[in-house]
Amino acid sequence: MKLPCYKNIPSLVPLKKAALRALAASHYIPEYREKIFLVLGKALNSTNQELVEVSFDCMKKFTSVCQVKATIREKS
């Protein structure tokens, strides 16, 4: 929001929602599936409810099309 190109934009939420949808639509790129999944998962923890809802929908679509390996990390 500090850059001059964003001065006239009241909210970045619509742009972020579009970016999440674009990422979910990129499920066909195998080498980026894990990264995309992590970004969608991170958006689930957003404080903005709209982003959470879009992220959840994208996550459902993403997982319905491809498989992501789950790894469990133990706290040390």
N, C-alpha and C. Protein backbone atom coordinates (compact mmCIF):
# COMPACT_ATOMS: atom_id res chain seq x y z
N MET A 1 0.82 -1.20 0.00
CA MET A 1 0.00 0.00 0.00
C MET A 1 0.86 1.27 0.00
N LYS A 2 2.14 1.14 0.29
CA LYS A 2 3.02 2.31 0.34
C LYS A 2 3.48 2.75 -1.04
N LEU A 3 3.45 1.86 -1.99
CA LEU A 3 3.91 2.21 -3.34
C LEU A 3 2.89 3.12 -4.03
N PRO A 4 3.37 4.03 -4.86
CA PRO A 4 2.46 4.98 -5.52
C PRO A 4 1.40 4.33 -6.40
N CYS A 5 1.70 3.17 -6.96
CA CYS A 5 0.71 2.53 -7.85
C CYS A 5 -0.51 2.01 -7.08
N TYR A 6 -0.41 1.90 -5.75
CA TYR A 6 -1.53 1.42 -4.94
C TYR A 6 -2.28 2.53 -4.22
N LYS A 7 -1.90 3.77 -4.42
CA LYS A 7 -2.49 4.90 -3.69
C LYS A 7 -3.99 5.05 -3.94
N ASN A 8 -4.46 4.76 -5.15
CA ASN A 8 -5.87 4.96 -5.48
C ASN A 8 -6.73 3.73 -5.19
N ILE A 9 -6.14 2.69 -4.65
CA ILE A 9 -6.88 1.47 -4.36
C ILE A 9 -7.26 1.45 -2.88
N PRO A 10 -8.56 1.45 -2.57
CA PRO A 10 -8.97 1.48 -1.16
C PRO A 10 -8.71 0.16 -0.43
N SER A 11 -8.70 -0.96 -1.17
CA SER A 11 -8.51 -2.26 -0.53
C SER A 11 -7.84 -3.22 -1.51
N LEU A 12 -6.92 -4.01 -0.99
CA LEU A 12 -6.25 -5.01 -1.82
C LEU A 12 -6.96 -6.36 -1.78
N VAL A 13 -8.05 -6.45 -1.05
CA VAL A 13 -8.76 -7.72 -0.91
C VAL A 13 -9.21 -8.28 -2.26
N PRO A 14 -9.83 -7.50 -3.14
CA PRO A 14 -10.23 -8.07 -4.44
C PRO A 14 -9.04 -8.60 -5.24
N LEU A 15 -7.92 -7.91 -5.17
CA LEU A 15 -6.72 -8.36 -5.87
C LEU A 15 -6.19 -9.66 -5.28
N LYS A 16 -6.21 -9.75 -3.96
CA LYS A 16 -5.76 -10.98 -3.28
C LYS A 16 -6.68 -12.15 -3.59
N LYS A 17 -7.99 -11.89 -3.64
CA LYS A 17 -8.94 -12.95 -3.98
C LYS A 17 -8.68 -13.47 -5.39
N ALA A 18 -8.45 -12.56 -6.33
CA ALA A 18 -8.16 -12.96 -7.70
C ALA A 18 -6.86 -13.76 -7.77
N ALA A 19 -5.87 -13.36 -6.99
CA ALA A 19 -4.59 -14.08 -6.98
C ALA A 19 -4.77 -15.49 -6.42
N LEU A 20 -5.58 -15.66 -5.39
CA LEU A 20 -5.84 -17.00 -4.84
C LEU A 20 -6.53 -17.89 -5.87
N ARG A 21 -7.49 -17.32 -6.58
CA ARG A 21 -8.19 -18.09 -7.61
C ARG A 21 -7.25 -18.49 -8.75
N ALA A 22 -6.36 -17.58 -9.12
CA ALA A 22 -5.40 -17.87 -10.17
C ALA A 22 -4.43 -18.97 -9.73
N LEU A 23 -4.01 -18.92 -8.49
CA LEU A 23 -3.13 -19.97 -7.97
C LEU A 23 -3.83 -21.33 -7.99
N ALA A 24 -5.06 -21.37 -7.52
CA ALA A 24 -5.80 -22.63 -7.50
C ALA A 24 -6.00 -23.19 -8.90
N ALA A 25 -6.13 -22.31 -9.86
CA ALA A 25 -6.30 -22.75 -11.25
C ALA A 25 -5.00 -23.27 -11.85
N SER A 26 -3.90 -23.05 -11.16
CA SER A 26 -2.58 -23.50 -11.65
C SER A 26 -2.22 -24.88 -11.12
N HIS A 27 -3.21 -25.67 -10.80
CA HIS A 27 -3.00 -27.01 -10.22
C HIS A 27 -2.26 -27.95 -11.17
N TYR A 28 -2.27 -27.64 -12.44
CA TYR A 28 -1.67 -28.52 -13.44
C TYR A 28 -0.14 -28.42 -13.49
N ILE A 29 0.47 -27.56 -12.69
CA ILE A 29 1.93 -27.42 -12.67
C ILE A 29 2.45 -28.22 -11.47
N PRO A 30 2.91 -29.44 -11.69
CA PRO A 30 3.26 -30.34 -10.57
C PRO A 30 4.34 -29.81 -9.64
N GLU A 31 5.34 -29.12 -10.18
CA GLU A 31 6.43 -28.68 -9.32
C GLU A 31 6.04 -27.52 -8.39
N TYR A 32 4.88 -26.92 -8.59
CA TYR A 32 4.44 -25.82 -7.73
C TYR A 32 3.23 -26.18 -6.86
N ARG A 33 2.76 -27.40 -6.95
CA ARG A 33 1.55 -27.78 -6.21
C ARG A 33 1.70 -27.59 -4.71
N GLU A 34 2.82 -28.00 -4.14
CA GLU A 34 3.01 -27.85 -2.70
C GLU A 34 3.03 -26.38 -2.29
N LYS A 35 3.72 -25.56 -3.05
CA LYS A 35 3.80 -24.14 -2.74
C LYS A 35 2.43 -23.48 -2.84
N ILE A 36 1.68 -23.83 -3.87
CA ILE A 36 0.33 -23.28 -4.03
C ILE A 36 -0.54 -23.70 -2.85
N PHE A 37 -0.44 -24.96 -2.48
CA PHE A 37 -1.22 -25.48 -1.36
C PHE A 37 -0.88 -24.72 -0.07
N LEU A 38 0.40 -24.45 0.15
CA LEU A 38 0.82 -23.72 1.34
C LEU A 38 0.29 -22.28 1.35
N VAL A 39 0.28 -21.64 0.19
CA VAL A 39 -0.23 -20.27 0.10
C VAL A 39 -1.74 -20.26 0.39
N LEU A 40 -2.45 -21.22 -0.18
CA LEU A 40 -3.90 -21.30 0.08
C LEU A 40 -4.16 -21.58 1.56
N GLY A 41 -3.34 -22.43 2.15
CA GLY A 41 -3.49 -22.73 3.57
C GLY A 41 -3.19 -21.53 4.45
N LYS A 42 -2.19 -20.76 4.06
CA LYS A 42 -1.85 -19.56 4.82
C LYS A 42 -2.99 -18.55 4.77
N ALA A 43 -3.64 -18.45 3.63
CA ALA A 43 -4.76 -17.52 3.48
C ALA A 43 -5.96 -17.93 4.33
N LEU A 44 -6.04 -19.21 4.68
CA LEU A 44 -7.11 -19.66 5.57
C LEU A 44 -7.01 -19.02 6.96
N ASN A 45 -5.81 -18.59 7.33
CA ASN A 45 -5.59 -17.97 8.63
C ASN A 45 -5.68 -16.45 8.59
N SER A 46 -6.18 -15.91 7.50
CA SER A 46 -6.28 -14.46 7.35
C SER A 46 -7.30 -13.89 8.34
N THR A 47 -7.13 -12.62 8.67
CA THR A 47 -8.10 -11.95 9.54
C THR A 47 -9.30 -11.45 8.74
N ASN A 48 -9.18 -11.43 7.41
CA ASN A 48 -10.27 -10.98 6.55
C ASN A 48 -11.14 -12.18 6.18
N GLN A 49 -12.41 -12.12 6.53
CA GLN A 49 -13.33 -13.23 6.30
C GLN A 49 -13.52 -13.54 4.82
N GLU A 50 -13.51 -12.53 3.98
CA GLU A 50 -13.65 -12.76 2.54
C GLU A 50 -12.50 -13.60 2.00
N LEU A 51 -11.28 -13.30 2.44
CA LEU A 51 -10.12 -14.07 2.00
C LEU A 51 -10.18 -15.50 2.50
N VAL A 52 -10.67 -15.68 3.71
CA VAL A 52 -10.80 -17.03 4.27
C VAL A 52 -11.78 -17.86 3.45
N GLU A 53 -12.91 -17.26 3.11
CA GLU A 53 -13.92 -17.97 2.33
C GLU A 53 -13.41 -18.33 0.93
N VAL A 54 -12.77 -17.38 0.26
CA VAL A 54 -12.23 -17.65 -1.08
C VAL A 54 -11.14 -18.70 -1.00
N SER A 55 -10.29 -18.60 0.01
CA SER A 55 -9.22 -19.58 0.18
C SER A 55 -9.79 -20.98 0.41
N PHE A 56 -10.84 -21.08 1.20
CA PHE A 56 -11.47 -22.37 1.46
C PHE A 56 -12.03 -22.96 0.17
N ASP A 57 -12.72 -22.14 -0.61
CA ASP A 57 -13.27 -22.61 -1.89
C ASP A 57 -12.15 -23.05 -2.84
N CYS A 58 -11.09 -22.25 -2.89
CA CYS A 58 -9.97 -22.60 -3.75
C CYS A 58 -9.29 -23.89 -3.29
N MET A 59 -9.19 -24.05 -1.99
CA MET A 59 -8.58 -25.26 -1.43
C MET A 59 -9.41 -26.49 -1.80
N LYS A 60 -10.73 -26.38 -1.73
CA LYS A 60 -11.60 -27.50 -2.11
C LYS A 60 -11.42 -27.86 -3.57
N LYS A 61 -11.42 -26.85 -4.43
CA LYS A 61 -11.24 -27.10 -5.87
C LYS A 61 -9.86 -27.69 -6.16
N PHE A 62 -8.85 -27.14 -5.50
CA PHE A 62 -7.48 -27.58 -5.71
C PHE A 62 -7.31 -29.04 -5.31
N THR A 63 -7.82 -29.41 -4.14
CA THR A 63 -7.66 -30.78 -3.67
C THR A 63 -8.56 -31.77 -4.41
N SER A 64 -9.61 -31.28 -5.04
CA SER A 64 -10.46 -32.19 -5.81
C SER A 64 -9.81 -32.59 -7.13
N VAL A 65 -8.87 -31.78 -7.59
CA VAL A 65 -8.22 -32.02 -8.87
C VAL A 65 -6.88 -32.74 -8.71
N CYS A 66 -6.17 -32.47 -7.63
CA CYS A 66 -4.84 -33.08 -7.47
C CYS A 66 -4.61 -33.51 -6.02
N GLN A 67 -3.64 -34.38 -5.86
CA GLN A 67 -3.26 -34.90 -4.55
C GLN A 67 -2.04 -34.13 -4.05
N VAL A 68 -2.05 -33.79 -2.76
CA VAL A 68 -0.90 -33.14 -2.14
C VAL A 68 -0.45 -34.03 -1.00
N LYS A 69 0.85 -34.31 -0.96
CA LYS A 69 1.39 -35.15 0.10
C LYS A 69 1.39 -34.38 1.41
N ALA A 70 0.86 -35.00 2.44
CA ALA A 70 0.84 -34.37 3.75
C ALA A 70 2.02 -34.86 4.58
N THR A 71 2.70 -33.92 5.19
CA THR A 71 3.78 -34.27 6.10
C THR A 71 3.48 -33.66 7.45
N ILE A 72 3.69 -34.44 8.48
CA ILE A 72 3.42 -33.98 9.84
C ILE A 72 4.74 -33.64 10.48
N ARG A 73 4.83 -32.43 10.98
CA ARG A 73 6.06 -32.01 11.64
C ARG A 73 5.83 -32.04 13.15
N GLU A 74 6.75 -32.67 13.84
CA GLU A 74 6.65 -32.72 15.29
C GLU A 74 7.31 -31.50 15.89
N LYS A 75 6.71 -30.98 16.94
CA LYS A 75 7.32 -29.85 17.64
C LYS A 75 8.49 -30.36 18.45
N SER A 76 9.57 -29.60 18.40
CA SER A 76 10.74 -30.04 19.19
C SER A 76 11.07 -29.06 20.26
